[in-house]
Amino acid sequence: RDKREILELCRNAMKEGNHRISKTFAETELWPKIADGDIITDTERKTLVFAIEHFHFTPPAKTLLTEKIKTWENNRHHHNK
């Protein structure tokens, strides 16, 4: 996914979600788009981190995505050893 598509998803979710991005949206819409085939590029990861910092995610959504990023990073480092 390119950066624009990820950020557009977040913008649309903000419009539909009372100016917040819910855990449900993060789990069922955003993360599956980013982690298609369990492959996440550095650009996708950086874009997601940017989105978490600049869009209003609910606390549960922010926690979910932060944990998923950490898990992905841990798995990535484990596979590179």
PDB file of N, CA and C in Angstrom:
ATOM      1  N   ARG A   1       0.845  -1.185   0.000  1.00  0.00           N
ATOM      2  CA  ARG A   1       0.000   0.000   0.000  1.00  0.00           C
ATOM      3  C   ARG A   1       0.882   1.238   0.000  1.00  0.00           C
ATOM      4  N   ASP A   2       0.450   2.233  -0.719  1.00  0.00           N
ATOM      5  CA  ASP A   2       1.233   3.452  -0.677  1.00  0.00           C
ATOM      6  C   ASP A   2       0.745   4.354   0.454  1.00  0.00           C
ATOM      7  N   LYS A   3       1.590   5.302   0.790  1.00  0.00           N
ATOM      8  CA  LYS A   3       1.304   6.194   1.921  1.00  0.00           C
ATOM      9  C   LYS A   3      -0.039   6.898   1.760  1.00  0.00           C
ATOM     10  N   ARG A   4      -0.303   7.353   0.561  1.00  0.00           N
ATOM     11  CA  ARG A   4      -1.532   8.103   0.303  1.00  0.00           C
ATOM     12  C   ARG A   4      -2.770   7.278   0.630  1.00  0.00           C
ATOM     13  N   GLU A   5      -2.753   6.007   0.240  1.00  0.00           N
ATOM     14  CA  GLU A   5      -3.911   5.136   0.473  1.00  0.00           C
ATOM     15  C   GLU A   5      -4.146   4.923   1.967  1.00  0.00           C
ATOM     16  N   ILE A   6      -3.079   4.705   2.708  1.00  0.00           N
ATOM     17  CA  ILE A   6      -3.192   4.498   4.159  1.00  0.00           C
ATOM     18  C   ILE A   6      -3.737   5.759   4.832  1.00  0.00           C
ATOM     19  N   LEU A   7      -3.195   6.907   4.458  1.00  0.00           N
ATOM     20  CA  LEU A   7      -3.646   8.165   5.062  1.00  0.00           C
ATOM     21  C   LEU A   7      -5.078   8.494   4.656  1.00  0.00           C
ATOM     22  N   GLU A   8      -5.454   8.157   3.431  1.00  0.00           N
ATOM     23  CA  GLU A   8      -6.829   8.379   2.984  1.00  0.00           C
ATOM     24  C   GLU A   8      -7.811   7.511   3.775  1.00  0.00           C
ATOM     25  N   LEU A   9      -7.418   6.272   4.042  1.00  0.00           N
ATOM     26  CA  LEU A   9      -8.245   5.393   4.885  1.00  0.00           C
ATOM     27  C   LEU A   9      -8.481   6.048   6.244  1.00  0.00           C
ATOM     28  N   CYS A  10      -7.423   6.596   6.826  1.00  0.00           N
ATOM     29  CA  CYS A  10      -7.539   7.242   8.136  1.00  0.00           C
ATOM     30  C   CYS A  10      -8.440   8.469   8.056  1.00  0.00           C
ATOM     31  N   ARG A  11      -8.257   9.276   7.015  1.00  0.00           N
ATOM     32  CA  ARG A  11      -9.108  10.472   6.852  1.00  0.00           C
ATOM     33  C   ARG A  11     -10.575  10.084   6.749  1.00  0.00           C
ATOM     34  N   ASN A  12     -10.872   9.071   5.940  1.00  0.00           N
ATOM     35  CA  ASN A  12     -12.257   8.628   5.773  1.00  0.00           C
ATOM     36  C   ASN A  12     -12.828   8.088   7.074  1.00  0.00           C
ATOM     37  N   ALA A  13     -12.009   7.353   7.823  1.00  0.00           N
ATOM     38  CA  ALA A  13     -12.463   6.809   9.108  1.00  0.00           C
ATOM     39  C   ALA A  13     -12.777   7.937  10.079  1.00  0.00           C
ATOM     40  N   MET A  14     -11.990   9.012  10.032  1.00  0.00           N
ATOM     41  CA  MET A  14     -12.239  10.161  10.909  1.00  0.00           C
ATOM     42  C   MET A  14     -13.591  10.794  10.571  1.00  0.00           C
ATOM     43  N   LYS A  15     -13.900  10.916   9.294  1.00  0.00           N
ATOM     44  CA  LYS A  15     -15.167  11.512   8.867  1.00  0.00           C
ATOM     45  C   LYS A  15     -16.351  10.673   9.321  1.00  0.00           C
ATOM     46  N   GLU A  16     -16.200   9.348   9.213  1.00  0.00           N
ATOM     47  CA  GLU A  16     -17.304   8.444   9.540  1.00  0.00           C
ATOM     48  C   GLU A  16     -17.389   8.149  11.029  1.00  0.00           C
ATOM     49  N   GLY A  17     -16.310   8.311  11.759  1.00  0.00           N
ATOM     50  CA  GLY A  17     -16.254   7.869  13.151  1.00  0.00           C
ATOM     51  C   GLY A  17     -16.271   8.983  14.163  1.00  0.00           C
ATOM     52  N   ASN A  18     -17.016  10.047  13.891  1.00  0.00           N
ATOM     53  CA  ASN A  18     -17.134  11.121  14.868  1.00  0.00           C
ATOM     54  C   ASN A  18     -15.759  11.729  15.196  1.00  0.00           C
ATOM     55  N   HIS A  19     -14.934  11.864  14.161  1.00  0.00           N
ATOM     56  CA  HIS A  19     -13.596  12.468  14.256  1.00  0.00           C
ATOM     57  C   HIS A  19     -12.623  11.640  15.080  1.00  0.00           C
ATOM     58  N   ARG A  20     -12.907  10.339  15.176  1.00  0.00           N
ATOM     59  CA  ARG A  20     -11.995   9.422  15.865  1.00  0.00           C
ATOM     60  C   ARG A  20     -11.902   8.142  15.045  1.00  0.00           C
ATOM     61  N   ILE A  21     -10.797   7.436  15.202  1.00  0.00           N
ATOM     62  CA  ILE A  21     -10.620   6.148  14.528  1.00  0.00           C
ATOM     63  C   ILE A  21     -10.755   5.066  15.594  1.00  0.00           C
ATOM     64  N   SER A  22     -11.720   4.187  15.394  1.00  0.00           N
ATOM     65  CA  SER A  22     -12.047   3.177  16.402  1.00  0.00           C
ATOM     66  C   SER A  22     -11.139   1.958  16.316  1.00  0.00           C
ATOM     67  N   LYS A  23     -11.151   1.195  17.394  1.00  0.00           N
ATOM     68  CA  LYS A  23     -10.409  -0.067  17.421  1.00  0.00           C
ATOM     69  C   LYS A  23     -10.964  -1.018  16.363  1.00  0.00           C
ATOM     70  N   THR A  24     -12.276  -1.037  16.204  1.00  0.00           N
ATOM     71  CA  THR A  24     -12.888  -1.918  15.198  1.00  0.00           C
ATOM     72  C   THR A  24     -12.367  -1.590  13.815  1.00  0.00           C
ATOM     73  N   PHE A  25     -12.342  -0.306  13.474  1.00  0.00           N
ATOM     74  CA  PHE A  25     -11.825   0.094  12.170  1.00  0.00           C
ATOM     75  C   PHE A  25     -10.348  -0.274  12.032  1.00  0.00           C
ATOM     76  N   ALA A  26      -9.573   0.009  13.070  1.00  0.00           N
ATOM     77  CA  ALA A  26      -8.137  -0.293  13.034  1.00  0.00           C
ATOM     78  C   ALA A  26      -7.893  -1.780  12.820  1.00  0.00           C
ATOM     79  N   GLU A  27      -8.712  -2.596  13.468  1.00  0.00           N
ATOM     80  CA  GLU A  27      -8.524  -4.050  13.427  1.00  0.00           C
ATOM     81  C   GLU A  27      -9.069  -4.683  12.155  1.00  0.00           C
ATOM     82  N   THR A  28     -10.188  -4.188  11.661  1.00  0.00           N
ATOM     83  CA  THR A  28     -10.850  -4.864  10.544  1.00  0.00           C
ATOM     84  C   THR A  28     -10.605  -4.211   9.186  1.00  0.00           C
ATOM     85  N   GLU A  29     -10.225  -2.938   9.186  1.00  0.00           N
ATOM     86  CA  GLU A  29     -10.032  -2.222   7.921  1.00  0.00           C
ATOM     87  C   GLU A  29      -8.583  -1.797   7.702  1.00  0.00           C
ATOM     88  N   LEU A  30      -8.038  -1.081   8.670  1.00  0.00           N
ATOM     89  CA  LEU A  30      -6.721  -0.484   8.476  1.00  0.00           C
ATOM     90  C   LEU A  30      -5.600  -1.515   8.518  1.00  0.00           C
ATOM     91  N   TRP A  31      -5.505  -2.273   9.600  1.00  0.00           N
ATOM     92  CA  TRP A  31      -4.404  -3.238   9.725  1.00  0.00           C
ATOM     93  C   TRP A  31      -4.411  -4.267   8.595  1.00  0.00           C
ATOM     94  N   PRO A  32      -5.538  -4.861   8.234  1.00  0.00           N
ATOM     95  CA  PRO A  32      -5.514  -5.826   7.126  1.00  0.00           C
ATOM     96  C   PRO A  32      -5.013  -5.217   5.806  1.00  0.00           C
ATOM     97  N   LYS A  33      -5.292  -3.948   5.574  1.00  0.00           N
ATOM     98  CA  LYS A  33      -4.796  -3.286   4.356  1.00  0.00           C
ATOM     99  C   LYS A  33      -3.282  -3.122   4.418  1.00  0.00           C
ATOM    100  N   ILE A  34      -2.774  -2.826   5.595  1.00  0.00           N
ATOM    101  CA  ILE A  34      -1.337  -2.608   5.749  1.00  0.00           C
ATOM    102  C   ILE A  34      -0.584  -3.934   5.738  1.00  0.00           C
ATOM    103  N   ALA A  35      -1.107  -4.917   6.452  1.00  0.00           N
ATOM    104  CA  ALA A  35      -0.398  -6.187   6.627  1.00  0.00           C
ATOM    105  C   ALA A  35      -0.901  -7.251   5.656  1.00  0.00           C
ATOM    106  N   ASP A  36      -1.153  -6.855   4.429  1.00  0.00           N
ATOM    107  CA  ASP A  36      -1.637  -7.832   3.462  1.00  0.00           C
ATOM    108  C   ASP A  36      -0.575  -8.907   3.253  1.00  0.00           C
ATOM    109  N   GLY A  37      -0.961 -10.144   3.470  1.00  0.00           N
ATOM    110  CA  GLY A  37      -0.020 -11.251   3.343  1.00  0.00           C
ATOM    111  C   GLY A  37       1.049 -11.261   4.414  1.00  0.00           C
ATOM    112  N   ASP A  38       0.793 -10.632   5.550  1.00  0.00           N
ATOM    113  CA  ASP A  38       1.746 -10.538   6.662  1.00  0.00           C
ATOM    114  C   ASP A  38       3.058  -9.874   6.270  1.00  0.00           C
ATOM    115  N   ILE A  39       3.043  -9.109   5.193  1.00  0.00           N
ATOM    116  CA  ILE A  39       4.232  -8.380   4.771  1.00  0.00           C
ATOM    117  C   ILE A  39       3.961  -6.895   4.966  1.00  0.00           C
ATOM    118  N   ILE A  40       4.849  -6.248   5.703  1.00  0.00           N
ATOM    119  CA  ILE A  40       4.726  -4.822   5.955  1.00  0.00           C
ATOM    120  C   ILE A  40       6.041  -4.176   5.526  1.00  0.00           C
ATOM    121  N   THR A  41       5.960  -3.200   4.672  1.00  0.00           N
ATOM    122  CA  THR A  41       7.172  -2.500   4.251  1.00  0.00           C
ATOM    123  C   THR A  41       7.536  -1.449   5.287  1.00  0.00           C
ATOM    124  N   ASP A  42       8.770  -0.985   5.235  1.00  0.00           N
ATOM    125  CA  ASP A  42       9.185   0.091   6.136  1.00  0.00           C
ATOM    126  C   ASP A  42       8.338   1.338   5.903  1.00  0.00           C
ATOM    127  N   THR A  43       7.996   1.608   4.646  1.00  0.00           N
ATOM    128  CA  THR A  43       7.168   2.771   4.335  1.00  0.00           C
ATOM    129  C   THR A  43       5.801   2.639   4.977  1.00  0.00           C
ATOM    130  N   GLU A  44       5.202   1.449   4.911  1.00  0.00           N
ATOM    131  CA  GLU A  44       3.896   1.236   5.542  1.00  0.00           C
ATOM    132  C   GLU A  44       3.983   1.415   7.050  1.00  0.00           C
ATOM    133  N   ARG A  45       5.036   0.874   7.654  1.00  0.00           N
ATOM    134  CA  ARG A  45       5.214   1.000   9.105  1.00  0.00           C
ATOM    135  C   ARG A  45       5.368   2.467   9.486  1.00  0.00           C
ATOM    136  N   LYS A  46       6.221   3.185   8.765  1.00  0.00           N
ATOM    137  CA  LYS A  46       6.441   4.602   9.071  1.00  0.00           C
ATOM    138  C   LYS A  46       5.163   5.410   8.866  1.00  0.00           C
ATOM    139  N   THR A  47       4.407   5.077   7.830  1.00  0.00           N
ATOM    140  CA  THR A  47       3.153   5.782   7.566  1.00  0.00           C
ATOM    141  C   THR A  47       2.151   5.513   8.677  1.00  0.00           C
ATOM    142  N   LEU A  48       2.082   4.276   9.140  1.00  0.00           N
ATOM    143  CA  LEU A  48       1.164   3.948  10.229  1.00  0.00           C
ATOM    144  C   LEU A  48       1.565   4.675  11.507  1.00  0.00           C
ATOM    145  N   VAL A  49       2.841   4.712  11.814  1.00  0.00           N
ATOM    146  CA  VAL A  49       3.310   5.440  12.995  1.00  0.00           C
ATOM    147  C   VAL A  49       2.946   6.920  12.857  1.00  0.00           C
ATOM    148  N   PHE A  50       3.150   7.493  11.677  1.00  0.00           N
ATOM    149  CA  PHE A  50       2.764   8.880  11.425  1.00  0.00           C
ATOM    150  C   PHE A  50       1.270   9.066  11.672  1.00  0.00           C
ATOM    151  N   ALA A  51       0.460   8.150  11.130  1.00  0.00           N
ATOM    152  CA  ALA A  51      -0.998   8.251  11.285  1.00  0.00           C
ATOM    153  C   ALA A  51      -1.394   8.191  12.756  1.00  0.00           C
ATOM    154  N   ILE A  52      -0.781   7.283  13.509  1.00  0.00           N
ATOM    155  CA  ILE A  52      -1.097   7.153  14.939  1.00  0.00           C
ATOM    156  C   ILE A  52      -0.774   8.462  15.664  1.00  0.00           C
ATOM    157  N   GLU A  53       0.304   9.124  15.260  1.00  0.00           N
ATOM    158  CA  GLU A  53       0.712  10.364  15.916  1.00  0.00           C
ATOM    159  C   GLU A  53      -0.134  11.568  15.495  1.00  0.00           C
ATOM    160  N   HIS A  54      -0.715  11.538  14.277  1.00  0.00           N
ATOM    161  CA  HIS A  54      -1.365  12.732  13.739  1.00  0.00           C
ATOM    162  C   HIS A  54      -2.881  12.638  13.570  1.00  0.00           C
ATOM    163  N   PHE A  55      -3.431  11.446  13.684  1.00  0.00           N
ATOM    164  CA  PHE A  55      -4.879  11.292  13.619  1.00  0.00           C
ATOM    165  C   PHE A  55      -5.378  10.925  15.011  1.00  0.00           C
ATOM    166  N   HIS A  56      -6.653  11.168  15.268  1.00  0.00           N
ATOM    167  CA  HIS A  56      -7.213  10.889  16.590  1.00  0.00           C
ATOM    168  C   HIS A  56      -7.735   9.454  16.631  1.00  0.00           C
ATOM    169  N   PHE A  57      -6.901   8.548  17.070  1.00  0.00           N
ATOM    170  CA  PHE A  57      -7.290   7.161  17.297  1.00  0.00           C
ATOM    171  C   PHE A  57      -7.818   7.058  18.718  1.00  0.00           C
ATOM    172  N   THR A  58      -8.828   6.223  18.931  1.00  0.00           N
ATOM    173  CA  THR A  58      -9.259   5.967  20.303  1.00  0.00           C
ATOM    174  C   THR A  58      -8.109   5.263  21.017  1.00  0.00           C
ATOM    175  N   PRO A  59      -8.035   5.375  22.342  1.00  0.00           N
ATOM    176  CA  PRO A  59      -6.954   4.681  23.064  1.00  0.00           C
ATOM    177  C   PRO A  59      -6.874   3.176  22.743  1.00  0.00           C
ATOM    178  N   PRO A  60      -8.008   2.443  22.681  1.00  0.00           N
ATOM    179  CA  PRO A  60      -7.897   1.018  22.336  1.00  0.00           C
ATOM    180  C   PRO A  60      -7.349   0.793  20.917  1.00  0.00           C
ATOM    181  N   ALA A  61      -7.689   1.669  19.979  1.00  0.00           N
ATOM    182  CA  ALA A  61      -7.182   1.534  18.607  1.00  0.00           C
ATOM    183  C   ALA A  61      -5.680   1.787  18.579  1.00  0.00           C
ATOM    184  N   LYS A  62      -5.254   2.818  19.292  1.00  0.00           N
ATOM    185  CA  LYS A  62      -3.827   3.151  19.342  1.00  0.00           C
ATOM    186  C   LYS A  62      -3.033   2.003  19.969  1.00  0.00           C
ATOM    187  N   THR A  63      -3.561   1.443  21.055  1.00  0.00           N
ATOM    188  CA  THR A  63      -2.896   0.317  21.723  1.00  0.00           C
ATOM    189  C   THR A  63      -2.802  -0.883  20.791  1.00  0.00           C
ATOM    190  N   LEU A  64      -3.897  -1.204  20.135  1.00  0.00           N
ATOM    191  CA  LEU A  64      -3.923  -2.344  19.215  1.00  0.00           C
ATOM    192  C   LEU A  64      -2.848  -2.199  18.143  1.00  0.00           C
ATOM    193  N   LEU A  65      -2.812  -1.055  17.473  1.00  0.00           N
ATOM    194  CA  LEU A  65      -1.869  -0.861  16.371  1.00  0.00           C
ATOM    195  C   LEU A  65      -0.432  -0.794  16.864  1.00  0.00           C
ATOM    196  N   THR A  66      -0.208  -0.161  18.009  1.00  0.00           N
ATOM    197  CA  THR A  66       1.142  -0.101  18.568  1.00  0.00           C
ATOM    198  C   THR A  66       1.648  -1.497  18.898  1.00  0.00           C
ATOM    199  N   GLU A  67       0.786  -2.334  19.476  1.00  0.00           N
ATOM    200  CA  GLU A  67       1.174  -3.709  19.796  1.00  0.00           C
ATOM    201  C   GLU A  67       1.436  -4.518  18.527  1.00  0.00           C
ATOM    202  N   LYS A  68       0.623  -4.316  17.500  1.00  0.00           N
ATOM    203  CA  LYS A  68       0.829  -5.040  16.245  1.00  0.00           C
ATOM    204  C   LYS A  68       2.151  -4.638  15.590  1.00  0.00           C
ATOM    205  N   ILE A  69       2.488  -3.361  15.652  1.00  0.00           N
ATOM    206  CA  ILE A  69       3.774  -2.904  15.104  1.00  0.00           C
ATOM    207  C   ILE A  69       4.925  -3.542  15.874  1.00  0.00           C
ATOM    208  N   LYS A  70       4.827  -3.533  17.210  1.00  0.00           N
ATOM    209  CA  LYS A  70       5.889  -4.137  18.030  1.00  0.00           C
ATOM    210  C   LYS A  70       6.045  -5.620  17.728  1.00  0.00           C
ATOM    211  N   THR A  71       4.925  -6.333  17.619  1.00  0.00           N
ATOM    212  CA  THR A  71       4.976  -7.761  17.304  1.00  0.00           C
ATOM    213  C   THR A  71       5.635  -7.984  15.951  1.00  0.00           C
ATOM    214  N   TRP A  72       5.247  -7.186  14.973  1.00  0.00           N
ATOM    215  CA  TRP A  72       5.825  -7.303  13.637  1.00  0.00           C
ATOM    216  C   TRP A  72       7.325  -7.032  13.680  1.00  0.00           C
ATOM    217  N   GLU A  73       7.735  -5.988  14.405  1.00  0.00           N
ATOM    218  CA  GLU A  73       9.158  -5.664  14.503  1.00  0.00           C
ATOM    219  C   GLU A  73       9.931  -6.775  15.201  1.00  0.00           C
ATOM    220  N   ASN A  74       9.360  -7.331  16.287  1.00  0.00           N
ATOM    221  CA  ASN A  74      10.023  -8.432  16.993  1.00  0.00           C
ATOM    222  C   ASN A  74      10.169  -9.648  16.090  1.00  0.00           C
ATOM    223  N   ASN A  75       9.137  -9.980  15.350  1.00  0.00           N
ATOM    224  CA  ASN A  75       9.189 -11.118  14.431  1.00  0.00           C
ATOM    225  C   ASN A  75      10.206 -10.874  13.328  1.00  0.00           C
ATOM    226  N   ARG A  76      10.246  -9.669  12.857  1.00  0.00           N
ATOM    227  CA  ARG A  76      11.189  -9.302  11.779  1.00  0.00           C
ATOM    228  C   ARG A  76      12.618  -9.448  12.255  1.00  0.00           C
ATOM    229  N   HIS A  77      12.909  -8.933  13.469  1.00  0.00           N
ATOM    230  CA  HIS A  77      14.261  -9.040  14.004  1.00  0.00           C
ATOM    231  C   HIS A  77      14.613 -10.495  14.284  1.00  0.00           C
ATOM    232  N   HIS A  78      13.651 -11.275  14.741  1.00  0.00           N
ATOM    233  CA  HIS A  78      13.876 -12.686  15.026  1.00  0.00           C
ATOM    234  C   HIS A  78      14.232 -13.446  13.755  1.00  0.00           C
ATOM    235  N   HIS A  79      13.532 -13.141  12.657  1.00  0.00           N
ATOM    236  CA  HIS A  79      13.792 -13.831  11.377  1.00  0.00           C
ATOM    237  C   HIS A  79      15.105 -13.397  10.742  1.00  0.00           C
ATOM    238  N   ASN A  80      15.593 -12.218  11.076  1.00  0.00           N
ATOM    239  CA  ASN A  80      16.828 -11.708  10.467  1.00  0.00           C
ATOM    240  C   ASN A  80      18.074 -12.193  11.197  1.00  0.00           C
ATOM    241  N   LYS A  81      17.907 -12.880  12.312  1.00  0.00           N
ATOM    242  CA  LYS A  81      19.073 -13.368  13.075  1.00  0.00           C
ATOM    243  C   LYS A  81      19.610 -14.652  12.488  1.00  0.00           C
TER     244      LYS A  81
END
